[in-house]
Amino acid sequence: MTCIAEGHDLYCSINVSGRQVSEPGFTREIIDVVRASGADPRAMVIELTESVLAAFGASQVFDELHSEGFRIALDDFGTGYSALQYLQSFDIDLIKIDRSFVTALGETKNGTVVQAVLNMATNIGAQTLAEGIENPEELRLLRELGIELGQGYYFSKPIPEAELSELLAENGTANHHSVRSAKGQ
């Protein structure tokens, strides 16, 4: 699970598989679990990989979750089998740019790929998040390209829930970096 501190809001991501999406009752189960926990669905991000978009019934599942307030994120973008048609078919809120593009940012071609993903996301009304940021130079290059959200070891290694609760209690949910950051990877 990834939590994004954005202003005063905290978003938690739930990774789902194609098998889960295809199971009858999956949508109702997610909605019921989130409601029973007392969490607000608007603070939840359902993360899926490109291959999940092709799962039978995925469109209906994500439409239902979206109508309940859940945000939908496309994880590891650029590494799967995705056809760009899926981006038009699904209401995607967030596109997560795979770490492989971030680590090779110094190469002109990869900077171009990241910029193209950012432009595409902007045109469909989605935000972008760069995965795997590990150093200040990667962060600088991503900022120059216009990427606003990021996650990776540069911000924090994954930490246990108790440690996260302590960190939030000490610092609130305010941003600790000038780029909005997702904790963990």
N, C-alpha and C. Protein backbone atom coordinates (compact mmCIF):
# COMPACT_ATOMS: atom_id res chain seq x y z
N MET A 1 0.85 -1.16 0.00
CA MET A 1 0.00 0.00 0.00
C MET A 1 0.90 1.23 0.00
N THR A 2 0.51 2.24 -0.72
CA THR A 2 1.24 3.50 -0.81
C THR A 2 0.34 4.60 -0.28
N CYS A 3 0.88 5.51 0.51
CA CYS A 3 0.11 6.65 0.99
C CYS A 3 0.72 7.92 0.42
N ILE A 4 -0.12 8.79 -0.09
CA ILE A 4 0.33 10.03 -0.69
C ILE A 4 -0.15 11.18 0.17
N ALA A 5 0.78 11.97 0.68
CA ALA A 5 0.40 13.16 1.44
C ALA A 5 0.25 14.29 0.43
N GLU A 6 -0.95 14.77 0.27
CA GLU A 6 -1.23 15.82 -0.71
C GLU A 6 -1.97 16.93 0.02
N GLY A 7 -1.27 18.00 0.37
CA GLY A 7 -1.89 19.04 1.17
C GLY A 7 -2.22 18.46 2.52
N HIS A 8 -3.50 18.43 2.87
CA HIS A 8 -3.91 17.86 4.14
C HIS A 8 -4.57 16.50 3.95
N ASP A 9 -4.59 16.01 2.73
CA ASP A 9 -5.24 14.74 2.46
C ASP A 9 -4.21 13.62 2.43
N LEU A 10 -4.63 12.44 2.82
CA LEU A 10 -3.79 11.26 2.75
C LEU A 10 -4.52 10.23 1.91
N TYR A 11 -3.89 9.80 0.82
CA TYR A 11 -4.48 8.81 -0.06
C TYR A 11 -3.78 7.48 0.17
N CYS A 12 -4.53 6.42 0.24
CA CYS A 12 -3.96 5.09 0.37
C CYS A 12 -4.30 4.28 -0.87
N SER A 13 -3.30 3.59 -1.39
CA SER A 13 -3.48 2.81 -2.61
C SER A 13 -3.63 1.33 -2.30
N ILE A 14 -4.49 0.69 -3.07
CA ILE A 14 -4.73 -0.74 -2.95
C ILE A 14 -4.39 -1.36 -4.30
N ASN A 15 -3.39 -2.23 -4.34
CA ASN A 15 -3.04 -2.90 -5.58
C ASN A 15 -3.99 -4.07 -5.81
N VAL A 16 -4.52 -4.18 -7.02
CA VAL A 16 -5.42 -5.28 -7.34
C VAL A 16 -4.91 -6.03 -8.58
N SER A 17 -5.23 -7.29 -8.64
CA SER A 17 -4.81 -8.14 -9.76
C SER A 17 -5.97 -8.38 -10.71
N GLY A 18 -5.65 -8.87 -11.88
CA GLY A 18 -6.68 -9.22 -12.85
C GLY A 18 -7.61 -10.30 -12.32
N ARG A 19 -7.05 -11.25 -11.57
CA ARG A 19 -7.86 -12.32 -10.98
C ARG A 19 -8.89 -11.74 -10.02
N GLN A 20 -8.47 -10.80 -9.19
CA GLN A 20 -9.41 -10.19 -8.25
C GLN A 20 -10.52 -9.43 -8.98
N VAL A 21 -10.14 -8.66 -9.98
CA VAL A 21 -11.11 -7.86 -10.74
C VAL A 21 -12.14 -8.76 -11.40
N SER A 22 -11.72 -9.97 -11.81
CA SER A 22 -12.62 -10.89 -12.51
C SER A 22 -13.54 -11.66 -11.58
N GLU A 23 -13.26 -11.63 -10.27
CA GLU A 23 -14.07 -12.39 -9.32
C GLU A 23 -15.42 -11.72 -9.11
N PRO A 24 -16.51 -12.52 -9.13
CA PRO A 24 -17.84 -11.96 -8.85
C PRO A 24 -17.86 -11.35 -7.44
N GLY A 25 -18.43 -10.20 -7.30
CA GLY A 25 -18.56 -9.57 -5.99
C GLY A 25 -17.34 -8.76 -5.56
N PHE A 26 -16.33 -8.68 -6.41
CA PHE A 26 -15.12 -7.95 -6.04
C PHE A 26 -15.43 -6.50 -5.69
N THR A 27 -16.22 -5.85 -6.52
CA THR A 27 -16.53 -4.43 -6.30
C THR A 27 -17.24 -4.24 -4.97
N ARG A 28 -18.25 -5.03 -4.70
CA ARG A 28 -19.00 -4.92 -3.45
C ARG A 28 -18.09 -5.17 -2.26
N GLU A 29 -17.19 -6.15 -2.36
CA GLU A 29 -16.28 -6.47 -1.27
C GLU A 29 -15.37 -5.29 -0.94
N ILE A 30 -14.78 -4.69 -1.96
CA ILE A 30 -13.89 -3.53 -1.74
C ILE A 30 -14.67 -2.39 -1.08
N ILE A 31 -15.84 -2.10 -1.61
CA ILE A 31 -16.65 -1.00 -1.06
C ILE A 31 -17.01 -1.28 0.39
N ASP A 32 -17.46 -2.52 0.68
CA ASP A 32 -17.86 -2.87 2.04
C ASP A 32 -16.68 -2.81 3.02
N VAL A 33 -15.52 -3.30 2.61
CA VAL A 33 -14.34 -3.29 3.49
C VAL A 33 -13.92 -1.86 3.81
N VAL A 34 -13.91 -1.02 2.80
CA VAL A 34 -13.51 0.37 3.02
C VAL A 34 -14.51 1.08 3.91
N ARG A 35 -15.79 0.88 3.67
CA ARG A 35 -16.80 1.51 4.53
C ARG A 35 -16.71 0.99 5.97
N ALA A 36 -16.54 -0.33 6.13
CA ALA A 36 -16.44 -0.92 7.48
C ALA A 36 -15.23 -0.37 8.24
N SER A 37 -14.18 -0.03 7.52
CA SER A 37 -12.98 0.50 8.18
C SER A 37 -13.15 1.95 8.59
N GLY A 38 -14.20 2.58 8.06
CA GLY A 38 -14.42 4.00 8.35
C GLY A 38 -13.66 4.92 7.41
N ALA A 39 -12.94 4.35 6.45
CA ALA A 39 -12.19 5.16 5.49
C ALA A 39 -13.14 5.76 4.46
N ASP A 40 -12.74 6.88 3.93
CA ASP A 40 -13.50 7.54 2.89
C ASP A 40 -13.03 7.01 1.53
N PRO A 41 -13.93 6.47 0.71
CA PRO A 41 -13.51 5.96 -0.60
C PRO A 41 -12.76 6.99 -1.44
N ARG A 42 -13.03 8.29 -1.21
CA ARG A 42 -12.33 9.34 -1.96
C ARG A 42 -10.86 9.42 -1.58
N ALA A 43 -10.49 8.78 -0.47
CA ALA A 43 -9.09 8.76 -0.04
C ALA A 43 -8.40 7.46 -0.45
N MET A 44 -9.07 6.67 -1.26
CA MET A 44 -8.52 5.37 -1.69
C MET A 44 -8.22 5.41 -3.18
N VAL A 45 -7.09 4.81 -3.54
CA VAL A 45 -6.68 4.71 -4.94
C VAL A 45 -6.56 3.23 -5.26
N ILE A 46 -7.31 2.78 -6.26
CA ILE A 46 -7.21 1.39 -6.72
C ILE A 46 -6.13 1.37 -7.79
N GLU A 47 -5.05 0.63 -7.52
CA GLU A 47 -3.93 0.54 -8.46
C GLU A 47 -4.00 -0.77 -9.22
N LEU A 48 -3.83 -0.68 -10.53
CA LEU A 48 -3.85 -1.86 -11.37
C LEU A 48 -2.77 -1.72 -12.43
N THR A 49 -2.31 -2.84 -12.92
CA THR A 49 -1.34 -2.80 -14.02
C THR A 49 -2.08 -2.78 -15.34
N GLU A 50 -1.35 -2.48 -16.39
CA GLU A 50 -1.97 -2.38 -17.72
C GLU A 50 -2.68 -3.67 -18.12
N SER A 51 -2.14 -4.82 -17.73
CA SER A 51 -2.74 -6.09 -18.13
C SER A 51 -4.12 -6.28 -17.51
N VAL A 52 -4.39 -5.66 -16.36
CA VAL A 52 -5.69 -5.78 -15.70
C VAL A 52 -6.78 -5.11 -16.53
N LEU A 53 -6.40 -4.10 -17.29
CA LEU A 53 -7.40 -3.40 -18.10
C LEU A 53 -8.09 -4.34 -19.09
N ALA A 54 -7.38 -5.38 -19.49
CA ALA A 54 -7.94 -6.32 -20.46
C ALA A 54 -8.82 -7.39 -19.80
N ALA A 55 -8.86 -7.43 -18.46
CA ALA A 55 -9.64 -8.45 -17.77
C ALA A 55 -11.12 -8.29 -18.10
N PHE A 56 -11.80 -9.42 -18.23
CA PHE A 56 -13.22 -9.41 -18.54
C PHE A 56 -13.98 -8.67 -17.44
N GLY A 57 -14.78 -7.70 -17.81
CA GLY A 57 -15.61 -6.96 -16.87
C GLY A 57 -14.89 -5.84 -16.14
N ALA A 58 -13.62 -5.60 -16.46
CA ALA A 58 -12.85 -4.58 -15.75
C ALA A 58 -13.48 -3.20 -15.88
N SER A 59 -13.98 -2.89 -17.04
CA SER A 59 -14.56 -1.57 -17.27
C SER A 59 -15.71 -1.31 -16.31
N GLN A 60 -16.59 -2.28 -16.16
CA GLN A 60 -17.74 -2.12 -15.26
C GLN A 60 -17.27 -1.99 -13.81
N VAL A 61 -16.28 -2.81 -13.42
CA VAL A 61 -15.76 -2.76 -12.05
C VAL A 61 -15.22 -1.37 -11.74
N PHE A 62 -14.40 -0.84 -12.64
CA PHE A 62 -13.79 0.46 -12.37
C PHE A 62 -14.80 1.60 -12.46
N ASP A 63 -15.80 1.46 -13.31
CA ASP A 63 -16.86 2.47 -13.35
C ASP A 63 -17.61 2.50 -12.01
N GLU A 64 -17.90 1.32 -11.47
CA GLU A 64 -18.61 1.25 -10.19
C GLU A 64 -17.77 1.82 -9.05
N LEU A 65 -16.49 1.44 -9.01
CA LEU A 65 -15.61 1.96 -7.96
C LEU A 65 -15.44 3.47 -8.09
N HIS A 66 -15.30 3.93 -9.31
CA HIS A 66 -15.15 5.36 -9.55
C HIS A 66 -16.39 6.12 -9.09
N SER A 67 -17.57 5.55 -9.36
CA SER A 67 -18.82 6.22 -8.97
C SER A 67 -18.97 6.28 -7.44
N GLU A 68 -18.27 5.40 -6.72
CA GLU A 68 -18.29 5.41 -5.25
C GLU A 68 -17.26 6.38 -4.69
N GLY A 69 -16.43 6.96 -5.56
CA GLY A 69 -15.45 7.94 -5.11
C GLY A 69 -14.01 7.46 -5.14
N PHE A 70 -13.78 6.18 -5.42
CA PHE A 70 -12.42 5.66 -5.49
C PHE A 70 -11.69 6.28 -6.69
N ARG A 71 -10.40 6.51 -6.54
CA ARG A 71 -9.57 6.95 -7.66
C ARG A 71 -8.95 5.71 -8.28
N ILE A 72 -8.68 5.76 -9.57
CA ILE A 72 -8.10 4.63 -10.28
C ILE A 72 -6.72 5.04 -10.79
N ALA A 73 -5.72 4.19 -10.50
CA ALA A 73 -4.34 4.46 -10.95
C ALA A 73 -3.85 3.31 -11.82
N LEU A 74 -3.15 3.68 -12.87
CA LEU A 74 -2.51 2.71 -13.76
C LEU A 74 -1.05 2.61 -13.34
N ASP A 75 -0.67 1.47 -12.76
CA ASP A 75 0.66 1.27 -12.19
C ASP A 75 1.64 0.74 -13.23
N ASP A 76 2.92 1.05 -13.05
CA ASP A 76 4.00 0.56 -13.91
C ASP A 76 3.75 0.84 -15.38
N PHE A 77 3.21 2.01 -15.68
CA PHE A 77 2.85 2.33 -17.05
C PHE A 77 4.06 2.24 -17.97
N GLY A 78 3.84 1.62 -19.11
CA GLY A 78 4.89 1.48 -20.11
C GLY A 78 5.58 0.14 -20.10
N THR A 79 5.24 -0.73 -19.13
CA THR A 79 5.92 -2.02 -19.05
C THR A 79 5.01 -3.19 -19.43
N GLY A 80 3.73 -2.93 -19.64
CA GLY A 80 2.79 -4.01 -19.90
C GLY A 80 2.43 -4.12 -21.36
N TYR A 81 1.28 -4.74 -21.60
CA TYR A 81 0.83 -5.03 -22.96
C TYR A 81 -0.20 -4.02 -23.43
N SER A 82 -0.32 -2.95 -22.74
CA SER A 82 -1.43 -2.02 -22.96
C SER A 82 -1.48 -1.47 -24.38
N ALA A 83 -2.69 -1.36 -24.84
CA ALA A 83 -2.94 -0.60 -26.06
C ALA A 83 -3.44 0.76 -25.58
N LEU A 84 -3.08 1.79 -26.28
CA LEU A 84 -3.48 3.13 -25.86
C LEU A 84 -5.00 3.29 -25.84
N GLN A 85 -5.73 2.42 -26.55
CA GLN A 85 -7.19 2.50 -26.55
C GLN A 85 -7.76 2.35 -25.15
N TYR A 86 -7.06 1.59 -24.30
CA TYR A 86 -7.56 1.41 -22.93
C TYR A 86 -7.59 2.73 -22.17
N LEU A 87 -6.65 3.62 -22.46
CA LEU A 87 -6.63 4.90 -21.77
C LEU A 87 -7.87 5.73 -22.10
N GLN A 88 -8.41 5.52 -23.29
CA GLN A 88 -9.63 6.23 -23.67
C GLN A 88 -10.87 5.54 -23.11
N SER A 89 -10.78 4.24 -22.88
CA SER A 89 -11.94 3.47 -22.44
C SER A 89 -12.17 3.53 -20.93
N PHE A 90 -11.12 3.77 -20.17
CA PHE A 90 -11.22 3.77 -18.71
C PHE A 90 -11.03 5.17 -18.17
N ASP A 91 -11.70 5.46 -17.08
CA ASP A 91 -11.56 6.75 -16.42
C ASP A 91 -10.39 6.63 -15.43
N ILE A 92 -9.18 6.89 -15.92
CA ILE A 92 -7.95 6.76 -15.12
C ILE A 92 -7.65 8.11 -14.49
N ASP A 93 -7.40 8.11 -13.17
CA ASP A 93 -7.09 9.34 -12.45
C ASP A 93 -5.59 9.59 -12.34
N LEU A 94 -4.81 8.51 -12.34
CA LEU A 94 -3.38 8.62 -12.08
C LEU A 94 -2.63 7.60 -12.92
N ILE A 95 -1.57 8.05 -13.60
CA ILE A 95 -0.70 7.15 -14.34
C ILE A 95 0.65 7.15 -13.65
N LYS A 96 1.08 5.97 -13.20
CA LYS A 96 2.36 5.83 -12.51
C LYS A 96 3.42 5.41 -13.52
N ILE A 97 4.40 6.29 -13.71
CA ILE A 97 5.47 6.03 -14.68
C ILE A 97 6.47 5.06 -14.05
N ASP A 98 6.71 3.97 -14.73
CA ASP A 98 7.56 2.91 -14.20
C ASP A 98 8.98 3.40 -13.90
N ARG A 99 9.56 2.83 -12.87
CA ARG A 99 10.90 3.16 -12.41
C ARG A 99 11.95 3.02 -13.50
N SER A 100 11.77 2.08 -14.42
CA SER A 100 12.76 1.87 -15.48
C SER A 100 12.96 3.13 -16.31
N PHE A 101 11.92 3.94 -16.47
CA PHE A 101 12.04 5.20 -17.21
C PHE A 101 12.71 6.28 -16.35
N VAL A 102 12.48 6.22 -15.04
CA VAL A 102 13.06 7.21 -14.13
C VAL A 102 14.56 7.02 -14.00
N THR A 103 15.01 5.78 -13.85
CA THR A 103 16.44 5.53 -13.64
C THR A 103 17.27 5.88 -14.88
N ALA A 104 16.66 5.88 -16.03
CA ALA A 104 17.38 6.19 -17.27
C ALA A 104 17.06 7.60 -17.77
N LEU A 105 16.61 8.47 -16.88
CA LEU A 105 16.17 9.81 -17.28
C LEU A 105 17.25 10.63 -17.95
N GLY A 106 18.51 10.44 -17.59
CA GLY A 106 19.59 11.22 -18.18
C GLY A 106 19.73 11.00 -19.68
N GLU A 107 19.20 9.87 -20.16
CA GLU A 107 19.24 9.58 -21.59
C GLU A 107 18.12 10.36 -22.26
N THR A 108 18.43 11.04 -23.32
CA THR A 108 17.45 11.89 -24.02
C THR A 108 16.18 11.13 -24.36
N LYS A 109 16.33 9.92 -24.87
CA LYS A 109 15.16 9.15 -25.30
C LYS A 109 14.19 8.90 -24.14
N ASN A 110 14.70 8.55 -22.96
CA ASN A 110 13.82 8.28 -21.83
C ASN A 110 13.17 9.53 -21.29
N GLY A 111 13.88 10.67 -21.36
CA GLY A 111 13.25 11.93 -20.98
C GLY A 111 12.09 12.23 -21.90
N THR A 112 12.26 11.89 -23.16
CA THR A 112 11.20 12.10 -24.15
C THR A 112 10.01 11.20 -23.86
N VAL A 113 10.27 9.96 -23.45
CA VAL A 113 9.19 9.03 -23.13
C VAL A 113 8.41 9.54 -21.91
N VAL A 114 9.12 9.98 -20.88
CA VAL A 114 8.45 10.50 -19.69
C VAL A 114 7.61 11.72 -20.06
N GLN A 115 8.16 12.60 -20.88
CA GLN A 115 7.42 13.80 -21.31
C GLN A 115 6.18 13.40 -22.11
N ALA A 116 6.30 12.39 -22.96
CA ALA A 116 5.15 11.92 -23.75
C ALA A 116 4.06 11.36 -22.85
N VAL A 117 4.45 10.59 -21.82
CA VAL A 117 3.47 10.04 -20.89
C VAL A 117 2.78 11.19 -20.13
N LEU A 118 3.56 12.17 -19.70
CA LEU A 118 2.99 13.33 -19.01
C LEU A 118 1.98 14.05 -19.91
N ASN A 119 2.35 14.29 -21.16
CA ASN A 119 1.44 14.97 -22.10
C ASN A 119 0.17 14.16 -22.31
N MET A 120 0.32 12.85 -22.48
CA MET A 120 -0.84 11.99 -22.70
C MET A 120 -1.75 12.02 -21.47
N ALA A 121 -1.15 11.91 -20.28
CA ALA A 121 -1.94 11.92 -19.04
C ALA A 121 -2.69 13.25 -18.91
N THR A 122 -2.01 14.33 -19.17
CA THR A 122 -2.64 15.65 -19.09
C THR A 122 -3.83 15.73 -20.04
N ASN A 123 -3.67 15.21 -21.25
CA ASN A 123 -4.74 15.27 -22.25
C ASN A 123 -5.96 14.44 -21.88
N ILE A 124 -5.78 13.39 -21.08
CA ILE A 124 -6.94 12.60 -20.66
C ILE A 124 -7.42 12.99 -19.25
N GLY A 125 -6.79 14.02 -18.68
CA GLY A 125 -7.22 14.51 -17.37
C GLY A 125 -6.69 13.72 -16.20
N ALA A 126 -5.58 13.01 -16.38
CA ALA A 126 -4.99 12.22 -15.30
C ALA A 126 -3.73 12.88 -14.76
N GLN A 127 -3.41 12.60 -13.51
CA GLN A 127 -2.15 13.04 -12.93
C GLN A 127 -1.09 12.00 -13.25
N THR A 128 0.19 12.38 -13.08
CA THR A 128 1.28 11.42 -13.24
C THR A 128 2.07 11.33 -11.94
N LEU A 129 2.60 10.15 -11.68
CA LEU A 129 3.44 9.91 -10.53
C LEU A 129 4.63 9.10 -11.03
N ALA A 130 5.84 9.55 -10.70
CA ALA A 130 7.05 8.83 -11.10
C ALA A 130 7.43 7.87 -9.98
N GLU A 131 7.64 6.62 -10.33
CA GLU A 131 8.03 5.60 -9.36
C GLU A 131 9.55 5.46 -9.31
N GLY A 132 10.05 5.08 -8.14
CA GLY A 132 11.45 4.71 -8.01
C GLY A 132 12.44 5.86 -7.97
N ILE A 133 12.04 7.01 -7.47
CA ILE A 133 12.97 8.13 -7.36
C ILE A 133 13.95 7.81 -6.23
N GLU A 134 15.24 7.78 -6.57
CA GLU A 134 16.24 7.39 -5.57
C GLU A 134 17.27 8.45 -5.26
N ASN A 135 17.29 9.55 -6.00
CA ASN A 135 18.31 10.57 -5.73
C ASN A 135 17.81 11.95 -6.15
N PRO A 136 18.49 12.99 -5.68
CA PRO A 136 18.06 14.36 -5.98
C PRO A 136 18.11 14.69 -7.47
N GLU A 137 19.02 14.10 -8.21
CA GLU A 137 19.13 14.38 -9.64
C GLU A 137 17.90 13.88 -10.39
N GLU A 138 17.43 12.68 -10.06
CA GLU A 138 16.20 12.17 -10.69
C GLU A 138 15.02 13.08 -10.36
N LEU A 139 14.95 13.51 -9.11
CA LEU A 139 13.87 14.41 -8.71
C LEU A 139 13.94 15.72 -9.49
N ARG A 140 15.14 16.27 -9.62
CA ARG A 140 15.31 17.52 -10.36
C ARG A 140 14.85 17.37 -11.81
N LEU A 141 15.29 16.30 -12.46
CA LEU A 141 14.92 16.08 -13.86
C LEU A 141 13.41 15.90 -14.02
N LEU A 142 12.79 15.18 -13.09
CA LEU A 142 11.34 14.97 -13.14
C LEU A 142 10.59 16.29 -12.95
N ARG A 143 11.07 17.10 -12.03
CA ARG A 143 10.44 18.41 -11.82
C ARG A 143 10.54 19.26 -13.08
N GLU A 144 11.72 19.24 -13.72
CA GLU A 144 11.90 20.01 -14.95
C GLU A 144 10.92 19.56 -16.04
N LEU A 145 10.61 18.27 -16.06
CA LEU A 145 9.66 17.75 -17.04
C LEU A 145 8.22 18.09 -16.67
N GLY A 146 7.97 18.45 -15.41
CA GLY A 146 6.62 18.80 -14.98
C GLY A 146 5.92 17.73 -14.19
N ILE A 147 6.63 16.69 -13.77
CA ILE A 147 6.04 15.63 -12.95
C ILE A 147 5.87 16.18 -11.53
N GLU A 148 4.66 16.09 -10.98
CA GLU A 148 4.38 16.65 -9.66
C GLU A 148 4.38 15.64 -8.53
N LEU A 149 4.09 14.38 -8.82
CA LEU A 149 4.03 13.36 -7.78
C LEU A 149 5.15 12.36 -7.97
N GLY A 150 5.67 11.86 -6.85
CA GLY A 150 6.73 10.87 -6.95
C GLY A 150 6.76 9.98 -5.74
N GLN A 151 7.37 8.83 -5.92
CA GLN A 151 7.59 7.92 -4.80
C GLN A 151 8.92 7.24 -5.01
N GLY A 152 9.50 6.82 -3.92
CA GLY A 152 10.78 6.12 -4.02
C GLY A 152 11.59 6.27 -2.76
N TYR A 153 12.73 5.59 -2.74
CA TYR A 153 13.59 5.57 -1.57
C TYR A 153 14.18 6.94 -1.26
N TYR A 154 14.21 7.84 -2.22
CA TYR A 154 14.70 9.19 -1.94
C TYR A 154 13.85 9.84 -0.85
N PHE A 155 12.56 9.57 -0.86
CA PHE A 155 11.66 10.15 0.13
C PHE A 155 11.62 9.30 1.40
N SER A 156 11.51 7.98 1.23
CA SER A 156 11.43 7.08 2.38
C SER A 156 11.47 5.64 1.90
N LYS A 157 12.14 4.81 2.65
CA LYS A 157 12.04 3.38 2.41
C LYS A 157 10.68 2.95 2.98
N PRO A 158 10.15 1.82 2.55
CA PRO A 158 8.89 1.36 3.14
C PRO A 158 9.06 1.23 4.66
N ILE A 159 8.04 1.66 5.39
CA ILE A 159 8.11 1.61 6.84
C ILE A 159 6.87 0.92 7.40
N PRO A 160 7.00 0.32 8.59
CA PRO A 160 5.84 -0.33 9.21
C PRO A 160 4.75 0.68 9.56
N GLU A 161 3.53 0.19 9.66
CA GLU A 161 2.38 1.05 9.93
C GLU A 161 2.58 1.89 11.19
N ALA A 162 3.11 1.28 12.26
CA ALA A 162 3.30 2.02 13.51
C ALA A 162 4.26 3.19 13.31
N GLU A 163 5.31 2.97 12.53
CA GLU A 163 6.27 4.03 12.25
C GLU A 163 5.63 5.14 11.41
N LEU A 164 4.78 4.76 10.44
CA LEU A 164 4.08 5.75 9.64
C LEU A 164 3.16 6.59 10.51
N SER A 165 2.42 5.93 11.41
CA SER A 165 1.52 6.65 12.31
C SER A 165 2.31 7.64 13.17
N GLU A 166 3.46 7.23 13.64
CA GLU A 166 4.31 8.10 14.46
C GLU A 166 4.80 9.29 13.63
N LEU A 167 5.24 9.02 12.41
CA LEU A 167 5.73 10.07 11.52
C LEU A 167 4.63 11.09 11.23
N LEU A 168 3.43 10.61 10.96
CA LEU A 168 2.31 11.51 10.68
C LEU A 168 1.92 12.31 11.92
N ALA A 169 1.98 11.68 13.08
CA ALA A 169 1.65 12.39 14.32
C ALA A 169 2.67 13.51 14.59
N GLU A 170 3.93 13.23 14.32
CA GLU A 170 4.98 14.23 14.53
C GLU A 170 4.89 15.39 13.55
N ASN A 171 4.62 15.07 12.30
CA ASN A 171 4.70 16.08 11.24
C ASN A 171 3.38 16.42 10.60
N GLY A 172 2.31 15.82 11.00
CA GLY A 172 1.04 16.01 10.31
C GLY A 172 1.14 15.40 8.93
N THR A 173 0.19 15.69 8.07
CA THR A 173 0.25 15.14 6.71
C THR A 173 0.81 16.14 5.74
N ALA A 174 1.46 17.19 6.26
CA ALA A 174 2.04 18.19 5.38
C ALA A 174 3.17 17.59 4.56
N ASN A 175 3.42 18.16 3.43
CA ASN A 175 4.48 17.66 2.55
C ASN A 175 5.84 17.92 3.19
N HIS A 176 6.72 16.96 3.05
CA HIS A 176 8.07 17.08 3.58
C HIS A 176 9.05 17.46 2.49
N HIS A 177 8.60 17.49 1.26
CA HIS A 177 9.43 17.85 0.12
C HIS A 177 8.59 18.76 -0.77
N SER A 178 9.25 19.51 -1.61
CA SER A 178 8.49 20.44 -2.45
C SER A 178 7.72 19.71 -3.54
N VAL A 179 8.10 18.48 -3.86
CA VAL A 179 7.27 17.67 -4.75
C VAL A 179 6.37 16.85 -3.82
N ARG A 180 5.10 16.73 -4.18
CA ARG A 180 4.23 15.89 -3.37
C ARG A 180 4.78 14.49 -3.46
N SER A 181 4.88 13.78 -2.38
CA SER A 181 5.57 12.51 -2.39
C SER A 181 4.68 11.37 -1.94
N ALA A 182 4.91 10.22 -2.53
CA ALA A 182 4.25 9.00 -2.10
C ALA A 182 5.25 8.24 -1.26
N LYS A 183 4.86 7.84 -0.08
CA LYS A 183 5.76 7.13 0.81
C LYS A 183 5.83 5.67 0.39
N GLY A 184 7.02 5.13 0.37
CA GLY A 184 7.20 3.73 0.04
C GLY A 184 7.37 3.52 -1.43
N GLN A 185 7.38 2.28 -1.81
CA GLN A 185 7.56 1.97 -3.22
C GLN A 185 6.76 0.77 -3.61
